Amino acid sequence: MQTQRTILFFLLITILWPGLCVAEDSMDTLMEQFNQQYEALTPQPNSSVNDDYKMGQTALGIRYTNNILSLMHAQNQEMLAKYNEILSRYDEIIKQNQEVIRLLTKIAKKDAKE
């Protein structure tokens, strides 16, 4: 039972590790790395290499797609946090404006009575 948990733990870490490390990379850096590695896998014209390189390119594409999606997710989470902060500030401004309106209405009613 403990062995199964350990294996599951290491499997999850192996799968999630590239996604966790991608937060420090920028999109341009990821695309540049992908292009370099993709081209490195492409055989020279008229070479005797079989079609094995296509599987390597496919795996590389999947890995970088995962990295890019992870980066986009992290950026979206940052944007959502900033958006929520702005919303809370707008809510505060709305409350302040409502208080100003209430006070001005009170002043206007007082001036109307005089």
Protein backbone atom coordinates (compact mmCIF):
# COMPACT_ATOMS: atom_id res chain seq x y z
CA MET A 1 0.00 0.00 0.00
CA GLN A 2 2.80 2.40 0.94
CA THR A 3 4.68 1.45 -2.24
CA GLN A 4 1.64 2.32 -4.36
CA ARG A 5 1.36 5.72 -2.69
CA THR A 6 5.03 6.39 -3.27
CA ILE A 7 4.78 5.39 -6.92
CA LEU A 8 1.67 7.55 -7.37
CA PHE A 9 3.41 10.48 -5.68
CA PHE A 10 6.47 10.26 -7.93
CA LEU A 11 4.27 9.82 -10.99
CA LEU A 12 2.31 12.97 -10.15
CA ILE A 13 5.48 14.92 -9.47
CA THR A 14 6.93 13.76 -12.79
CA ILE A 15 3.82 14.88 -14.64
CA LEU A 16 3.31 18.18 -12.84
CA TRP A 17 6.94 19.31 -12.50
CA PRO A 18 7.29 20.84 -16.00
CA GLY A 19 4.08 22.79 -15.48
CA LEU A 20 5.27 24.12 -12.14
CA CYS A 21 8.63 25.18 -13.52
CA VAL A 22 7.14 27.01 -16.47
CA ALA A 23 5.94 29.95 -14.38
CA GLU A 24 9.45 31.41 -14.43
CA ASP A 25 9.68 31.28 -18.24
CA SER A 26 8.22 33.82 -20.61
CA MET A 27 6.24 32.95 -23.71
CA ASP A 28 9.02 34.21 -26.01
CA THR A 29 11.61 32.10 -24.21
CA LEU A 30 9.43 29.01 -24.47
CA MET A 31 8.79 29.51 -28.17
CA GLU A 32 12.48 30.08 -28.87
CA GLN A 33 13.44 26.92 -26.97
CA PHE A 34 10.76 24.94 -28.77
CA ASN A 35 11.89 26.12 -32.21
CA GLN A 36 15.52 25.26 -31.45
CA GLN A 37 14.72 21.79 -30.13
CA TYR A 38 12.23 21.11 -32.92
CA GLU A 39 14.75 22.00 -35.59
CA ALA A 40 17.40 19.91 -33.84
CA LEU A 41 15.13 16.87 -34.20
CA THR A 42 14.61 17.42 -37.93
CA PRO A 43 17.02 15.33 -40.00
CA GLN A 44 19.00 16.84 -42.84
CA PRO A 45 17.57 16.46 -46.34
CA ASN A 46 18.51 13.20 -48.07
CA SER A 47 19.52 11.58 -44.78
CA SER A 48 18.90 7.92 -44.05
CA VAL A 49 16.99 8.61 -40.82
CA ASN A 50 13.68 6.81 -40.47
CA ASP A 51 10.45 8.47 -39.42
CA ASP A 52 11.34 8.22 -35.72
CA TYR A 53 12.06 11.93 -35.54
CA LYS A 54 8.36 12.67 -36.13
CA MET A 55 7.47 11.00 -32.82
CA GLY A 56 10.13 13.08 -31.09
CA GLN A 57 8.77 16.25 -32.64
CA THR A 58 5.23 15.29 -31.62
CA ALA A 59 6.32 14.61 -28.03
CA LEU A 60 8.22 17.89 -27.97
CA GLY A 61 5.16 19.74 -29.27
CA ILE A 62 2.98 18.19 -26.58
CA ARG A 63 5.47 19.09 -23.85
CA TYR A 64 5.71 22.70 -24.96
CA THR A 65 1.95 22.93 -25.40
CA ASN A 66 1.62 21.85 -21.77
CA ASN A 67 4.22 24.43 -20.72
CA ILE A 68 2.51 27.21 -22.64
CA LEU A 69 -0.91 26.32 -21.24
CA SER A 70 0.56 26.31 -17.74
CA LEU A 71 2.11 29.71 -18.33
CA MET A 72 -1.16 31.07 -19.69
CA HIS A 73 -2.99 29.69 -16.66
CA ALA A 74 -0.55 31.39 -14.28
CA GLN A 75 -0.89 34.68 -16.17
CA ASN A 76 -4.68 34.41 -16.12
CA GLN A 77 -4.64 33.81 -12.36
CA GLU A 78 -2.54 36.97 -11.92
CA MET A 79 -4.95 38.94 -14.10
CA LEU A 80 -7.94 37.63 -12.14
CA ALA A 81 -6.33 38.68 -8.88
CA LYS A 82 -5.72 42.18 -10.25
CA TYR A 83 -9.25 42.30 -11.66
CA ASN A 84 -10.71 41.35 -8.26
CA GLU A 85 -8.61 44.04 -6.60
CA ILE A 86 -9.90 46.64 -9.06
CA LEU A 87 -13.48 45.46 -8.47
CA SER A 88 -13.09 45.88 -4.73
CA ARG A 89 -11.74 49.41 -5.27
CA TYR A 90 -14.71 50.24 -7.51
CA ASP A 91 -17.06 48.90 -4.84
CA GLU A 92 -15.41 51.21 -2.33
CA ILE A 93 -15.75 54.18 -4.70
CA ILE A 94 -19.42 53.35 -5.26
CA LYS A 95 -20.02 53.32 -1.49
CA GLN A 96 -18.24 56.67 -1.15
CA ASN A 97 -20.31 58.14 -3.99
CA GLN A 98 -23.51 56.88 -2.39
CA GLU A 99 -22.50 58.58 0.87
CA VAL A 100 -21.76 61.84 -0.99
CA ILE A 101 -25.15 61.65 -2.71
CA ARG A 102 -26.86 61.01 0.62
CA LEU A 103 -25.13 64.02 2.21
CA LEU A 104 -25.85 66.29 -0.76
CA THR A 105 -29.50 65.22 -0.71
CA LYS A 106 -29.66 66.02 2.99
CA ILE A 107 -28.10 69.46 2.36
CA ALA A 108 -30.48 70.11 -0.56
CA LYS A 109 -33.53 69.24 1.58
CA LYS A 110 -32.27 71.50 4.36
CA ASP A 111 -31.76 74.40 1.91
CA ALA A 112 -35.23 73.81 0.44
CA LYS A 113 -36.85 74.14 3.88
CA GLU A 114 -35.12 77.51 4.52
